[in-house]
């Protein structure tokens, strides 16, 4: 399993995402934002951070990076793609996922360990979880409130495309307590919390996040 991890100017969590891939016994392949080259990878992770300094709005500039043109094309052909935090924002800006991520409802940066409920365990990134399972992973974002119009929300809920939902107090004002969603095909997933920071109980609150990367391993082997 070869998994590309993109680095943009301002990316913070690319090294952590690469480490998570290695924990799942995959090969992490660094991808540079300015290249039109996915290097023959089996999947792509768009990691967290502050791509291009979050100028204009989060993910708005990164969406036009040369590498994202390749990601969009590959995703539309079925390649598994995961967007974490800023990566989720970039996938929304690139229209690979619907809706938008806006400023947290109390206008504060949120940094805490967050419980999530697994609502959909049939995506390329969630098959290792039981549906309804609750996992604990870190959340750290200032613009993590998921917003979409009523029709989009109805579509996401009706088609089972909400992948993760916040448990307990809503940390950022996301509609329907949504923490992560998928596209209709199930190969593209975006979530605001950070599974790559919860792959080892020695370095994170749990190892609950590792299931996402092991799920990808299963998906690639099956393919």
N, C-alpha and C. Protein backbone atom coordinates (compact mmCIF):
# COMPACT_ATOMS: atom_id res chain seq x y z
N UNK A 1 0.84 -1.19 0.00
CA UNK A 1 0.00 0.00 0.00
C UNK A 1 0.88 1.24 0.00
N UNK A 2 0.76 2.05 -1.05
CA UNK A 2 1.51 3.31 -1.14
C UNK A 2 0.52 4.46 -1.02
N UNK A 3 0.72 5.28 0.00
CA UNK A 3 -0.23 6.36 0.31
C UNK A 3 0.49 7.70 0.22
N UNK A 4 0.00 8.55 -0.68
CA UNK A 4 0.58 9.88 -0.81
C UNK A 4 0.07 10.82 0.26
N UNK A 5 0.97 11.60 0.83
CA UNK A 5 0.61 12.61 1.83
C UNK A 5 1.10 13.96 1.31
N UNK A 6 0.16 14.88 1.09
CA UNK A 6 0.50 16.16 0.46
C UNK A 6 1.06 17.14 1.48
N UNK A 7 2.06 17.89 1.06
CA UNK A 7 2.58 19.00 1.85
C UNK A 7 2.36 20.30 1.08
N UNK A 8 1.63 21.22 1.71
CA UNK A 8 1.46 22.58 1.21
C UNK A 8 2.31 23.51 2.08
N UNK A 9 2.60 24.72 1.63
CA UNK A 9 3.20 25.70 2.54
C UNK A 9 2.24 25.93 3.71
N UNK A 10 2.70 25.70 4.92
CA UNK A 10 1.87 25.86 6.11
C UNK A 10 1.28 24.57 6.64
N UNK A 11 1.48 23.45 5.94
CA UNK A 11 1.00 22.16 6.44
C UNK A 11 1.73 21.81 7.74
N UNK A 12 0.98 21.29 8.73
CA UNK A 12 1.56 20.95 10.03
C UNK A 12 1.61 19.45 10.30
N UNK A 13 0.65 18.72 9.76
CA UNK A 13 0.47 17.35 10.21
C UNK A 13 0.81 16.31 9.15
N UNK A 14 1.60 16.68 8.17
CA UNK A 14 1.98 15.72 7.14
C UNK A 14 2.85 14.60 7.70
N UNK A 15 3.78 14.95 8.57
CA UNK A 15 4.66 13.94 9.16
C UNK A 15 3.86 12.96 10.01
N UNK A 16 2.89 13.48 10.75
CA UNK A 16 2.03 12.62 11.58
C UNK A 16 1.22 11.67 10.70
N UNK A 17 0.69 12.18 9.58
CA UNK A 17 -0.07 11.33 8.67
C UNK A 17 0.81 10.25 8.06
N UNK A 18 2.03 10.61 7.71
CA UNK A 18 2.97 9.62 7.17
C UNK A 18 3.25 8.53 8.21
N UNK A 19 3.41 8.94 9.44
CA UNK A 19 3.65 7.98 10.52
C UNK A 19 2.46 7.04 10.68
N UNK A 20 1.25 7.56 10.58
CA UNK A 20 0.05 6.72 10.69
C UNK A 20 0.02 5.68 9.57
N UNK A 21 0.41 6.09 8.38
CA UNK A 21 0.46 5.14 7.26
C UNK A 21 1.45 4.02 7.56
N UNK A 22 2.60 4.37 8.10
CA UNK A 22 3.60 3.35 8.42
C UNK A 22 3.10 2.42 9.53
N UNK A 23 2.35 2.95 10.49
CA UNK A 23 1.76 2.11 11.54
C UNK A 23 0.82 1.07 10.95
N UNK A 24 0.20 1.41 9.83
CA UNK A 24 -0.70 0.47 9.15
C UNK A 24 0.06 -0.40 8.14
N UNK A 25 1.39 -0.38 8.23
CA UNK A 25 2.28 -1.18 7.39
C UNK A 25 2.19 -0.77 5.92
N UNK A 26 1.95 0.52 5.70
CA UNK A 26 1.96 1.05 4.35
C UNK A 26 3.21 1.88 4.12
N UNK A 27 3.42 2.25 2.86
CA UNK A 27 4.53 3.12 2.49
C UNK A 27 4.00 4.54 2.30
N UNK A 28 4.51 5.47 3.09
CA UNK A 28 4.10 6.86 2.97
C UNK A 28 4.94 7.55 1.89
N UNK A 29 4.25 8.17 0.93
CA UNK A 29 4.92 8.81 -0.20
C UNK A 29 4.67 10.32 -0.12
N UNK A 30 5.71 11.12 0.14
CA UNK A 30 5.50 12.57 0.19
C UNK A 30 5.11 13.13 -1.17
N UNK A 31 4.09 13.99 -1.20
CA UNK A 31 3.66 14.66 -2.41
C UNK A 31 3.77 16.16 -2.20
N UNK A 32 4.27 16.88 -3.19
CA UNK A 32 4.49 18.32 -3.08
C UNK A 32 3.36 19.07 -3.78
N UNK A 33 2.87 20.12 -3.15
CA UNK A 33 1.71 20.86 -3.65
C UNK A 33 1.90 21.38 -5.07
N UNK A 34 3.13 21.69 -5.46
CA UNK A 34 3.37 22.30 -6.76
C UNK A 34 3.59 21.33 -7.89
N UNK A 35 3.48 20.03 -7.63
CA UNK A 35 3.74 19.03 -8.66
C UNK A 35 2.44 18.45 -9.22
N UNK A 36 2.43 18.20 -10.52
CA UNK A 36 1.34 17.47 -11.16
C UNK A 36 1.68 15.98 -11.16
N UNK A 37 1.87 15.39 -9.99
CA UNK A 37 2.37 14.02 -9.95
C UNK A 37 1.94 13.35 -8.64
N UNK A 38 1.16 12.28 -8.74
CA UNK A 38 0.77 11.50 -7.56
C UNK A 38 1.68 10.30 -7.34
N UNK A 39 2.69 10.15 -8.19
CA UNK A 39 3.73 9.13 -8.01
C UNK A 39 3.18 7.71 -7.93
N UNK A 40 2.08 7.47 -8.59
CA UNK A 40 1.55 6.11 -8.65
C UNK A 40 1.02 5.56 -7.34
N UNK A 41 0.55 6.42 -6.43
CA UNK A 41 0.09 5.96 -5.13
C UNK A 41 -1.29 5.30 -5.24
N UNK A 42 -1.64 4.55 -4.20
CA UNK A 42 -2.93 3.86 -4.14
C UNK A 42 -4.00 4.71 -3.47
N UNK A 43 -3.59 5.71 -2.71
CA UNK A 43 -4.52 6.57 -1.99
C UNK A 43 -3.80 7.87 -1.64
N UNK A 44 -4.57 8.87 -1.25
CA UNK A 44 -4.00 10.18 -0.91
C UNK A 44 -4.60 10.68 0.40
N UNK A 45 -3.74 11.26 1.23
CA UNK A 45 -4.19 11.95 2.44
C UNK A 45 -3.88 13.43 2.28
N UNK A 46 -4.88 14.27 2.49
CA UNK A 46 -4.70 15.72 2.52
C UNK A 46 -4.71 16.09 4.00
N UNK A 47 -3.54 16.39 4.57
CA UNK A 47 -3.44 16.50 6.03
C UNK A 47 -3.83 17.88 6.56
N UNK A 48 -3.75 18.00 7.88
CA UNK A 48 -4.13 19.24 8.54
C UNK A 48 -3.01 20.26 8.57
N UNK A 49 -3.37 21.46 8.94
CA UNK A 49 -2.41 22.56 9.04
C UNK A 49 -3.06 23.85 8.60
N UNK A 50 -2.27 24.73 8.05
CA UNK A 50 -2.75 26.04 7.61
C UNK A 50 -2.23 26.28 6.20
N UNK A 51 -2.75 25.52 5.24
CA UNK A 51 -2.23 25.60 3.89
C UNK A 51 -2.28 27.04 3.37
N UNK A 52 -1.13 27.48 2.87
CA UNK A 52 -0.99 28.85 2.36
C UNK A 52 -1.41 29.89 3.40
N UNK A 53 -1.21 29.55 4.69
CA UNK A 53 -1.51 30.49 5.76
C UNK A 53 -2.98 30.74 5.98
N UNK A 54 -3.86 29.94 5.37
CA UNK A 54 -5.31 30.13 5.47
C UNK A 54 -5.73 31.52 4.99
N UNK A 55 -4.97 32.08 4.05
CA UNK A 55 -5.37 33.37 3.50
C UNK A 55 -6.65 33.20 2.68
N UNK A 56 -7.40 34.24 2.53
CA UNK A 56 -8.73 34.26 1.92
C UNK A 56 -9.70 33.51 2.81
N UNK A 57 -9.64 32.19 2.81
CA UNK A 57 -10.35 31.34 3.76
C UNK A 57 -9.68 29.98 3.71
N UNK A 58 -9.92 29.17 4.72
CA UNK A 58 -9.19 27.90 4.85
C UNK A 58 -9.39 27.02 3.62
N UNK A 59 -8.30 26.63 3.02
CA UNK A 59 -8.34 25.71 1.89
C UNK A 59 -8.61 26.34 0.54
N UNK A 60 -8.92 27.64 0.51
CA UNK A 60 -9.35 28.27 -0.75
C UNK A 60 -8.22 28.34 -1.77
N UNK A 61 -6.99 28.58 -1.31
CA UNK A 61 -5.87 28.64 -2.23
C UNK A 61 -5.36 27.24 -2.56
N UNK A 62 -5.28 26.39 -1.54
CA UNK A 62 -4.79 25.03 -1.75
C UNK A 62 -5.61 24.28 -2.78
N UNK A 63 -6.88 24.60 -2.86
CA UNK A 63 -7.76 23.93 -3.82
C UNK A 63 -7.23 24.05 -5.25
N UNK A 64 -6.47 25.14 -5.54
CA UNK A 64 -5.98 25.37 -6.89
C UNK A 64 -4.53 24.91 -7.08
N UNK A 65 -3.95 24.27 -6.08
CA UNK A 65 -2.58 23.76 -6.22
C UNK A 65 -2.53 22.71 -7.33
N UNK A 66 -1.44 22.65 -8.08
CA UNK A 66 -1.33 21.67 -9.16
C UNK A 66 -1.63 20.24 -8.71
N UNK A 67 -1.15 19.84 -7.54
CA UNK A 67 -1.37 18.47 -7.10
C UNK A 67 -2.84 18.17 -6.89
N UNK A 68 -3.63 19.20 -6.51
CA UNK A 68 -5.05 18.96 -6.26
C UNK A 68 -5.81 18.67 -7.55
N UNK A 69 -5.32 19.18 -8.65
CA UNK A 69 -5.96 18.82 -9.92
C UNK A 69 -5.86 17.32 -10.16
N UNK A 70 -4.71 16.75 -9.80
CA UNK A 70 -4.52 15.32 -9.95
C UNK A 70 -5.36 14.55 -8.93
N UNK A 71 -5.47 15.08 -7.72
CA UNK A 71 -6.26 14.42 -6.68
C UNK A 71 -7.73 14.37 -7.08
N UNK A 72 -8.25 15.47 -7.58
CA UNK A 72 -9.66 15.51 -7.99
C UNK A 72 -9.93 14.49 -9.08
N UNK A 73 -9.04 14.43 -10.06
CA UNK A 73 -9.21 13.48 -11.16
C UNK A 73 -9.16 12.05 -10.65
N UNK A 74 -8.20 11.76 -9.77
CA UNK A 74 -8.05 10.40 -9.24
C UNK A 74 -9.23 10.02 -8.35
N UNK A 75 -9.68 10.96 -7.54
CA UNK A 75 -10.82 10.70 -6.66
C UNK A 75 -12.07 10.39 -7.46
N UNK A 76 -12.27 11.12 -8.54
CA UNK A 76 -13.45 10.89 -9.38
C UNK A 76 -13.39 9.54 -10.08
N UNK A 77 -12.19 8.95 -10.15
CA UNK A 77 -12.05 7.61 -10.72
C UNK A 77 -12.10 6.51 -9.66
N UNK A 78 -12.24 6.93 -8.38
CA UNK A 78 -12.39 5.94 -7.31
C UNK A 78 -11.25 5.82 -6.34
N UNK A 79 -10.15 6.58 -6.51
CA UNK A 79 -9.05 6.47 -5.57
C UNK A 79 -9.49 6.92 -4.17
N UNK A 80 -9.13 6.19 -3.12
CA UNK A 80 -9.44 6.64 -1.76
C UNK A 80 -8.68 7.93 -1.42
N UNK A 81 -9.41 8.90 -0.88
CA UNK A 81 -8.82 10.18 -0.48
C UNK A 81 -9.37 10.53 0.90
N UNK A 82 -8.48 10.94 1.79
CA UNK A 82 -8.86 11.35 3.14
C UNK A 82 -8.41 12.77 3.38
N UNK A 83 -9.32 13.63 3.82
CA UNK A 83 -8.99 14.99 4.20
C UNK A 83 -9.19 15.17 5.69
N UNK A 84 -8.13 15.58 6.38
CA UNK A 84 -8.18 15.75 7.83
C UNK A 84 -8.05 17.22 8.17
N UNK A 85 -9.02 17.76 8.90
CA UNK A 85 -9.00 19.15 9.36
C UNK A 85 -8.87 20.11 8.18
N UNK A 86 -7.73 20.76 8.01
CA UNK A 86 -7.55 21.63 6.85
C UNK A 86 -7.73 20.85 5.55
N UNK A 87 -7.40 19.57 5.57
CA UNK A 87 -7.63 18.74 4.41
C UNK A 87 -9.11 18.58 4.10
N UNK A 88 -9.93 18.49 5.12
CA UNK A 88 -11.39 18.45 4.94
C UNK A 88 -11.85 19.75 4.29
N UNK A 89 -11.32 20.87 4.77
CA UNK A 89 -11.67 22.17 4.19
C UNK A 89 -11.28 22.23 2.71
N UNK A 90 -10.10 21.69 2.39
CA UNK A 90 -9.63 21.70 1.00
C UNK A 90 -10.52 20.84 0.12
N UNK A 91 -10.93 19.67 0.61
CA UNK A 91 -11.81 18.80 -0.18
C UNK A 91 -13.17 19.45 -0.42
N UNK A 92 -13.65 20.22 0.56
CA UNK A 92 -14.90 20.95 0.36
C UNK A 92 -14.72 22.06 -0.67
N UNK A 93 -13.61 22.78 -0.58
CA UNK A 93 -13.33 23.84 -1.55
C UNK A 93 -13.18 23.27 -2.96
N UNK A 94 -12.65 22.06 -3.05
CA UNK A 94 -12.44 21.42 -4.35
C UNK A 94 -13.70 20.73 -4.86
N UNK A 95 -14.77 20.80 -4.08
CA UNK A 95 -16.07 20.22 -4.44
C UNK A 95 -16.03 18.70 -4.54
N UNK A 96 -15.07 18.09 -3.87
CA UNK A 96 -15.10 16.64 -3.74
C UNK A 96 -16.07 16.22 -2.64
N UNK A 97 -16.33 17.13 -1.72
CA UNK A 97 -17.31 16.92 -0.67
C UNK A 97 -18.21 18.15 -0.60
N UNK A 98 -19.48 17.99 -0.27
CA UNK A 98 -20.40 19.13 -0.22
C UNK A 98 -20.28 19.91 1.08
N UNK A 99 -20.81 21.14 1.07
CA UNK A 99 -20.82 21.96 2.27
C UNK A 99 -19.57 22.79 2.44
N UNK A 100 -19.44 23.38 3.62
CA UNK A 100 -18.31 24.26 3.91
C UNK A 100 -18.00 24.20 5.39
N UNK A 101 -16.76 24.54 5.73
CA UNK A 101 -16.32 24.62 7.12
C UNK A 101 -16.12 26.08 7.48
N UNK A 102 -16.76 26.53 8.55
CA UNK A 102 -16.72 27.95 8.92
C UNK A 102 -16.19 28.11 10.34
N UNK A 103 -16.04 29.36 10.74
CA UNK A 103 -15.52 29.70 12.06
C UNK A 103 -16.34 29.04 13.16
N UNK A 104 -15.67 28.48 14.17
CA UNK A 104 -16.36 27.86 15.29
C UNK A 104 -17.38 28.82 15.89
N UNK A 105 -18.51 28.30 16.36
CA UNK A 105 -19.63 29.15 16.74
C UNK A 105 -19.33 30.09 17.89
N UNK A 106 -18.37 29.74 18.77
CA UNK A 106 -17.98 30.64 19.85
C UNK A 106 -16.72 31.43 19.51
N UNK A 107 -16.27 31.31 18.27
CA UNK A 107 -15.13 32.06 17.74
C UNK A 107 -13.83 31.76 18.48
N UNK A 108 -13.75 30.59 19.11
CA UNK A 108 -12.54 30.18 19.81
C UNK A 108 -11.92 28.98 19.11
N UNK A 109 -10.60 28.93 19.13
CA UNK A 109 -9.90 27.73 18.67
C UNK A 109 -10.16 26.62 19.68
N UNK A 110 -10.57 25.46 19.19
CA UNK A 110 -10.88 24.32 20.06
C UNK A 110 -9.74 23.32 19.98
N UNK A 111 -9.22 22.91 21.13
CA UNK A 111 -8.16 21.90 21.18
C UNK A 111 -8.46 20.97 22.35
N UNK A 112 -8.94 19.76 22.03
CA UNK A 112 -9.31 18.82 23.09
C UNK A 112 -9.46 17.43 22.50
N UNK A 113 -9.47 16.42 23.36
CA UNK A 113 -9.79 15.07 22.92
C UNK A 113 -11.30 14.98 22.79
N UNK A 114 -11.76 14.43 21.66
CA UNK A 114 -13.17 14.48 21.32
C UNK A 114 -13.71 13.08 21.01
N UNK A 115 -14.83 12.74 21.62
CA UNK A 115 -15.51 11.50 21.30
C UNK A 115 -16.30 11.65 20.01
N UNK A 116 -16.22 10.64 19.16
CA UNK A 116 -16.96 10.60 17.91
C UNK A 116 -17.74 9.29 17.83
N UNK A 117 -18.90 9.35 17.20
CA UNK A 117 -19.67 8.14 16.91
C UNK A 117 -19.49 7.79 15.45
N UNK A 118 -19.17 6.53 15.19
CA UNK A 118 -19.02 6.05 13.82
C UNK A 118 -20.41 5.77 13.27
N UNK A 119 -20.82 6.57 12.30
CA UNK A 119 -22.15 6.43 11.73
C UNK A 119 -22.15 5.58 10.45
N UNK A 120 -21.02 5.51 9.77
CA UNK A 120 -20.93 4.79 8.50
C UNK A 120 -19.62 4.01 8.48
N UNK A 121 -19.71 2.71 8.50
CA UNK A 121 -18.50 1.88 8.49
C UNK A 121 -18.31 1.15 7.17
N UNK A 122 -18.86 1.72 6.11
CA UNK A 122 -18.74 1.08 4.80
C UNK A 122 -17.86 1.86 3.83
N UNK A 123 -17.24 2.96 4.27
CA UNK A 123 -16.35 3.72 3.39
C UNK A 123 -14.99 3.04 3.32
N UNK A 124 -14.16 3.52 2.40
CA UNK A 124 -12.81 2.96 2.27
C UNK A 124 -11.97 3.19 3.52
N UNK A 125 -12.42 4.11 4.38
CA UNK A 125 -11.61 4.51 5.54
C UNK A 125 -12.20 4.07 6.87
N UNK A 126 -13.32 3.32 6.88
CA UNK A 126 -13.97 3.05 8.17
C UNK A 126 -14.41 1.61 8.37
N UNK A 127 -14.00 0.69 7.53
CA UNK A 127 -14.50 -0.68 7.65
C UNK A 127 -14.01 -1.40 8.89
N UNK A 128 -12.94 -0.95 9.51
CA UNK A 128 -12.42 -1.60 10.71
C UNK A 128 -13.24 -1.26 11.96
N UNK A 129 -14.20 -0.34 11.84
CA UNK A 129 -15.01 0.04 12.99
C UNK A 129 -16.38 -0.63 12.94
N UNK A 130 -16.95 -0.84 14.10
CA UNK A 130 -18.35 -1.25 14.18
C UNK A 130 -19.22 -0.03 14.03
N UNK A 131 -20.32 -0.16 13.30
CA UNK A 131 -21.26 0.94 13.21
C UNK A 131 -21.81 1.26 14.59
N UNK A 132 -21.80 2.54 14.94
CA UNK A 132 -22.25 2.95 16.26
C UNK A 132 -21.15 3.00 17.31
N UNK A 133 -19.95 2.54 16.96
CA UNK A 133 -18.83 2.58 17.90
C UNK A 133 -18.47 4.03 18.23
N UNK A 134 -17.95 4.25 19.41
CA UNK A 134 -17.48 5.57 19.81
C UNK A 134 -15.97 5.54 19.96
N UNK A 135 -15.31 6.50 19.33
CA UNK A 135 -13.86 6.56 19.35
C UNK A 135 -13.41 7.92 19.89
N UNK A 136 -12.21 7.96 20.46
CA UNK A 136 -11.68 9.19 21.06
C UNK A 136 -10.44 9.62 20.29
N UNK A 137 -10.49 10.80 19.67
CA UNK A 137 -9.37 11.35 18.92
C UNK A 137 -9.26 12.84 19.19
N UNK A 138 -8.09 13.44 18.97
CA UNK A 138 -7.94 14.88 19.20
C UNK A 138 -8.68 15.72 18.16
N UNK A 139 -9.15 16.87 18.61
CA UNK A 139 -9.76 17.88 17.75
C UNK A 139 -9.02 19.18 17.99
N UNK A 140 -8.57 19.84 16.91
CA UNK A 140 -7.85 21.11 17.08
C UNK A 140 -8.11 21.97 15.84
N UNK A 141 -9.02 22.91 15.98
CA UNK A 141 -9.37 23.74 14.82
C UNK A 141 -10.10 25.00 15.27
N UNK A 142 -9.95 26.02 14.45
CA UNK A 142 -10.65 27.28 14.67
C UNK A 142 -11.81 27.49 13.73
N UNK A 143 -11.78 26.78 12.59
CA UNK A 143 -12.84 26.90 11.60
C UNK A 143 -13.32 25.50 11.24
N UNK A 144 -14.00 24.88 12.21
CA UNK A 144 -14.41 23.49 12.05
C UNK A 144 -15.90 23.28 12.02
N UNK A 145 -16.68 24.35 11.98
CA UNK A 145 -18.12 24.21 11.98
C UNK A 145 -18.64 23.80 10.61
N UNK A 146 -19.17 22.60 10.50
CA UNK A 146 -19.67 22.13 9.20
C UNK A 146 -21.04 22.73 8.92
N UNK A 147 -21.16 23.35 7.74
CA UNK A 147 -22.40 24.00 7.34
C UNK A 147 -22.81 23.52 5.95
N UNK A 148 -24.10 23.35 5.76
CA UNK A 148 -24.65 22.99 4.45
C UNK A 148 -26.12 23.39 4.46
N UNK A 149 -26.67 23.56 3.28
CA UNK A 149 -28.09 23.92 3.22
C UNK A 149 -28.95 22.71 3.57
N UNK A 150 -30.24 22.97 3.77
CA UNK A 150 -31.15 21.92 4.24
C UNK A 150 -31.22 20.75 3.27
N UNK A 151 -31.22 21.01 1.98
CA UNK A 151 -31.30 19.93 1.00
C UNK A 151 -30.06 19.05 1.04
N UNK A 152 -28.89 19.68 1.20
CA UNK A 152 -27.65 18.90 1.29
C UNK A 152 -27.63 18.05 2.54
N UNK A 153 -28.05 18.63 3.65
CA UNK A 153 -28.10 17.87 4.91
C UNK A 153 -29.05 16.69 4.79
N UNK A 154 -30.19 16.91 4.19
CA UNK A 154 -31.16 15.83 4.01
C UNK A 154 -30.57 14.72 3.14
N UNK A 155 -29.81 15.12 2.13
CA UNK A 155 -29.17 14.13 1.24
C UNK A 155 -28.12 13.33 1.99
N UNK A 156 -27.28 14.02 2.76
CA UNK A 156 -26.24 13.34 3.52
C UNK A 156 -26.84 12.37 4.53
N UNK A 157 -27.85 12.82 5.23
CA UNK A 157 -28.48 11.96 6.24
C UNK A 157 -29.23 10.81 5.58
N UNK A 158 -29.97 11.11 4.52
CA UNK A 158 -30.79 10.10 3.87
C UNK A 158 -29.97 9.02 3.20
N UNK A 159 -28.78 9.38 2.70
CA UNK A 159 -27.93 8.42 1.99
C UNK A 159 -26.88 7.78 2.91
N UNK A 160 -26.92 8.10 4.20
CA UNK A 160 -25.96 7.53 5.14
C UNK A 160 -24.55 8.02 4.92
N UNK A 161 -24.41 9.25 4.48
CA UNK A 161 -23.09 9.79 4.15
C UNK A 161 -22.46 10.59 5.28
N UNK A 162 -23.13 10.68 6.42
CA UNK A 162 -22.46 11.19 7.62
C UNK A 162 -21.62 10.05 8.17
N UNK A 163 -20.32 10.24 8.24
CA UNK A 163 -19.41 9.18 8.65
C UNK A 163 -19.14 9.23 10.15
N UNK A 164 -18.90 10.42 10.66
CA UNK A 164 -18.64 10.60 12.10
C UNK A 164 -19.52 11.73 12.62
N UNK A 165 -19.96 11.58 13.88
CA UNK A 165 -20.77 12.61 14.52
C UNK A 165 -20.20 12.88 15.91
N UNK A 166 -20.18 14.15 16.29
CA UNK A 166 -19.70 14.50 17.63
C UNK A 166 -20.62 13.91 18.69
N UNK A 167 -20.02 13.39 19.75
CA UNK A 167 -20.75 12.87 20.90
C UNK A 167 -20.68 13.89 22.02
N UNK A 168 -21.80 14.15 22.67
CA UNK A 168 -21.82 15.13 23.75
C UNK A 168 -21.96 16.54 23.21
N UNK A 169 -21.34 17.49 23.90
CA UNK A 169 -21.45 18.90 23.51
C UNK A 169 -20.86 19.14 22.13
N UNK A 170 -21.60 19.84 21.31
CA UNK A 170 -21.11 20.21 19.97
C UNK A 170 -19.96 21.20 20.14
N UNK A 171 -18.75 20.86 19.65
CA UNK A 171 -17.58 21.70 19.94
C UNK A 171 -17.45 22.94 19.06
N UNK A 172 -18.18 22.98 17.92
CA UNK A 172 -17.91 24.06 16.97
C UNK A 172 -19.13 24.58 16.22
N UNK A 173 -20.31 24.09 16.55
CA UNK A 173 -21.52 24.55 15.88
C UNK A 173 -21.83 23.83 14.58
N UNK A 174 -21.21 22.68 14.34
CA UNK A 174 -21.49 21.94 13.12
C UNK A 174 -22.96 21.54 13.06
N UNK A 175 -23.55 21.68 11.88
CA UNK A 175 -24.94 21.25 11.69
C UNK A 175 -25.06 19.75 11.94
N UNK A 176 -26.10 19.37 12.62
CA UNK A 176 -26.39 17.96 12.91
C UNK A 176 -25.25 17.24 13.63
N UNK A 177 -24.40 18.00 14.33
CA UNK A 177 -23.25 17.43 15.05
C UNK A 177 -22.30 16.67 14.11
N UNK A 178 -22.24 17.08 12.86
CA UNK A 178 -21.43 16.36 11.87
C UNK A 178 -19.95 16.64 12.07
N UNK A 179 -19.18 15.56 12.20
CA UNK A 179 -17.72 15.66 12.33
C UNK A 179 -17.00 15.19 11.08
N UNK A 180 -17.67 14.37 10.25
CA UNK A 180 -17.05 13.87 9.04
C UNK A 180 -18.10 13.33 8.08
N UNK A 181 -17.83 13.45 6.79
CA UNK A 181 -18.76 13.00 5.76
C UNK A 181 -18.01 12.27 4.65
N UNK A 182 -18.77 11.65 3.75
CA UNK A 182 -18.19 10.98 2.60
C UNK A 182 -18.93 11.38 1.33
N UNK A 183 -18.31 11.11 0.21
CA UNK A 183 -19.00 11.31 -1.06
C UNK A 183 -19.92 10.13 -1.32
N UNK A 184 -20.68 10.18 -2.39
CA UNK A 184 -21.66 9.13 -2.67
C UNK A 184 -20.99 7.78 -2.90
N UNK A 185 -19.80 7.79 -3.45
CA UNK A 185 -19.10 6.55 -3.78
C UNK A 185 -18.43 5.91 -2.56
N UNK A 186 -18.16 6.71 -1.54
CA UNK A 186 -17.56 6.19 -0.31
C UNK A 186 -16.05 6.14 -0.31
N UNK A 187 -15.41 6.66 -1.36
CA UNK A 187 -13.94 6.63 -1.42
C UNK A 187 -13.30 7.90 -0.87
N UNK A 188 -14.07 9.00 -0.83
CA UNK A 188 -13.55 10.27 -0.31
C UNK A 188 -14.20 10.56 1.03
N UNK A 189 -13.38 10.77 2.05
CA UNK A 189 -13.86 11.07 3.39
C UNK A 189 -13.14 12.31 3.91
N UNK A 190 -13.89 13.20 4.55
CA UNK A 190 -13.29 14.34 5.22
C UNK A 190 -13.81 14.39 6.65
N UNK A 191 -12.91 14.70 7.58
CA UNK A 191 -13.32 14.87 8.97
C UNK A 191 -12.47 15.94 9.62
N UNK A 192 -13.05 16.62 10.60
CA UNK A 192 -12.33 17.70 11.27
C UNK A 192 -11.37 17.19 12.35
N UNK A 193 -11.73 16.21 13.17
CA UNK A 193 -10.77 15.69 14.16
C UNK A 193 -9.62 14.94 13.50
N UNK A 194 -8.60 14.60 14.30
CA UNK A 194 -7.33 14.10 13.80
C UNK A 194 -7.08 12.65 14.18
N UNK A 195 -7.45 11.69 13.34
CA UNK A 195 -7.16 10.29 13.67
C UNK A 195 -5.67 9.98 13.69
N UNK A 196 -4.87 10.73 12.94
CA UNK A 196 -3.43 10.45 12.90
C UNK A 196 -2.73 10.77 14.22
N UNK A 197 -3.41 11.50 15.10
CA UNK A 197 -2.86 11.78 16.43
C UNK A 197 -3.35 10.78 17.46
N UNK A 198 -4.06 9.74 17.01
CA UNK A 198 -4.55 8.72 17.94
C UNK A 198 -4.30 7.34 17.34
N UNK A 199 -3.03 7.04 17.13
CA UNK A 199 -2.67 5.74 16.56
C UNK A 199 -1.86 4.90 17.54
N UNK A 200 -1.49 5.48 18.67
CA UNK A 200 -0.68 4.80 19.66
C UNK A 200 -1.03 5.40 21.02
N UNK A 201 -1.41 4.54 21.96
CA UNK A 201 -1.82 5.04 23.28
C UNK A 201 -0.69 5.73 24.03
N UNK A 202 0.55 5.52 23.60
CA UNK A 202 1.68 6.19 24.24
C UNK A 202 1.81 7.65 23.81
N UNK A 203 1.29 7.97 22.64
CA UNK A 203 1.45 9.33 22.11
C UNK A 203 0.12 10.05 21.90
N UNK A 204 -0.99 9.38 22.07
CA UNK A 204 -2.30 10.00 21.91
C UNK A 204 -3.24 9.55 23.00
N UNK A 205 -4.45 10.05 22.99
CA UNK A 205 -5.41 9.65 24.03
C UNK A 205 -5.80 8.18 23.93
N UNK A 206 -5.78 7.64 22.69
CA UNK A 206 -6.10 6.25 22.41
C UNK A 206 -5.37 5.85 21.13
N UNK A 207 -5.61 4.63 20.69
CA UNK A 207 -5.16 4.23 19.34
C UNK A 207 -6.37 4.07 18.42
N UNK A 208 -7.47 4.73 18.75
CA UNK A 208 -8.71 4.57 18.00
C UNK A 208 -8.60 5.04 16.56
N UNK A 209 -7.74 6.00 16.30
CA UNK A 209 -7.62 6.53 14.95
C UNK A 209 -6.95 5.58 13.98
N UNK A 210 -6.22 4.60 14.50
CA UNK A 210 -5.49 3.68 13.63
C UNK A 210 -6.43 2.89 12.74
N UNK A 211 -7.66 2.69 13.19
CA UNK A 211 -8.62 1.93 12.40
C UNK A 211 -8.87 2.52 11.03
N UNK A 212 -8.74 3.84 10.88
CA UNK A 212 -8.97 4.46 9.58
C UNK A 212 -7.89 4.05 8.59
N UNK A 213 -6.68 3.96 9.05
CA UNK A 213 -5.56 3.62 8.17
C UNK A 213 -5.50 2.11 7.88
N UNK A 214 -5.93 1.30 8.87
CA UNK A 214 -6.04 -0.13 8.63
C UNK A 214 -7.20 -0.44 7.69
N UNK A 215 -8.27 0.35 7.77
CA UNK A 215 -9.38 0.19 6.84
C UNK A 215 -8.92 0.43 5.41
N UNK A 216 -8.08 1.45 5.24
CA UNK A 216 -7.54 1.73 3.90
C UNK A 216 -6.73 0.55 3.40
N UNK A 217 -5.93 -0.04 4.27
CA UNK A 217 -5.14 -1.22 3.89
C UNK A 217 -6.06 -2.32 3.34
N UNK A 218 -7.16 -2.55 4.04
CA UNK A 218 -8.11 -3.56 3.59
C UNK A 218 -8.68 -3.20 2.21
N UNK A 219 -9.02 -1.91 2.05
CA UNK A 219 -9.61 -1.47 0.78
C UNK A 219 -8.64 -1.63 -0.39
N UNK A 220 -7.38 -1.31 -0.15
CA UNK A 220 -6.38 -1.41 -1.21
C UNK A 220 -6.12 -2.87 -1.56
N UNK A 221 -6.01 -3.74 -0.55
CA UNK A 221 -5.78 -5.16 -0.79
C UNK A 221 -6.96 -5.77 -1.54
N UNK A 222 -8.17 -5.37 -1.14
CA UNK A 222 -9.38 -5.90 -1.78
C UNK A 222 -9.45 -5.48 -3.25
N UNK A 223 -9.02 -4.24 -3.51
CA UNK A 223 -9.05 -3.73 -4.88
C UNK A 223 -8.05 -4.46 -5.77
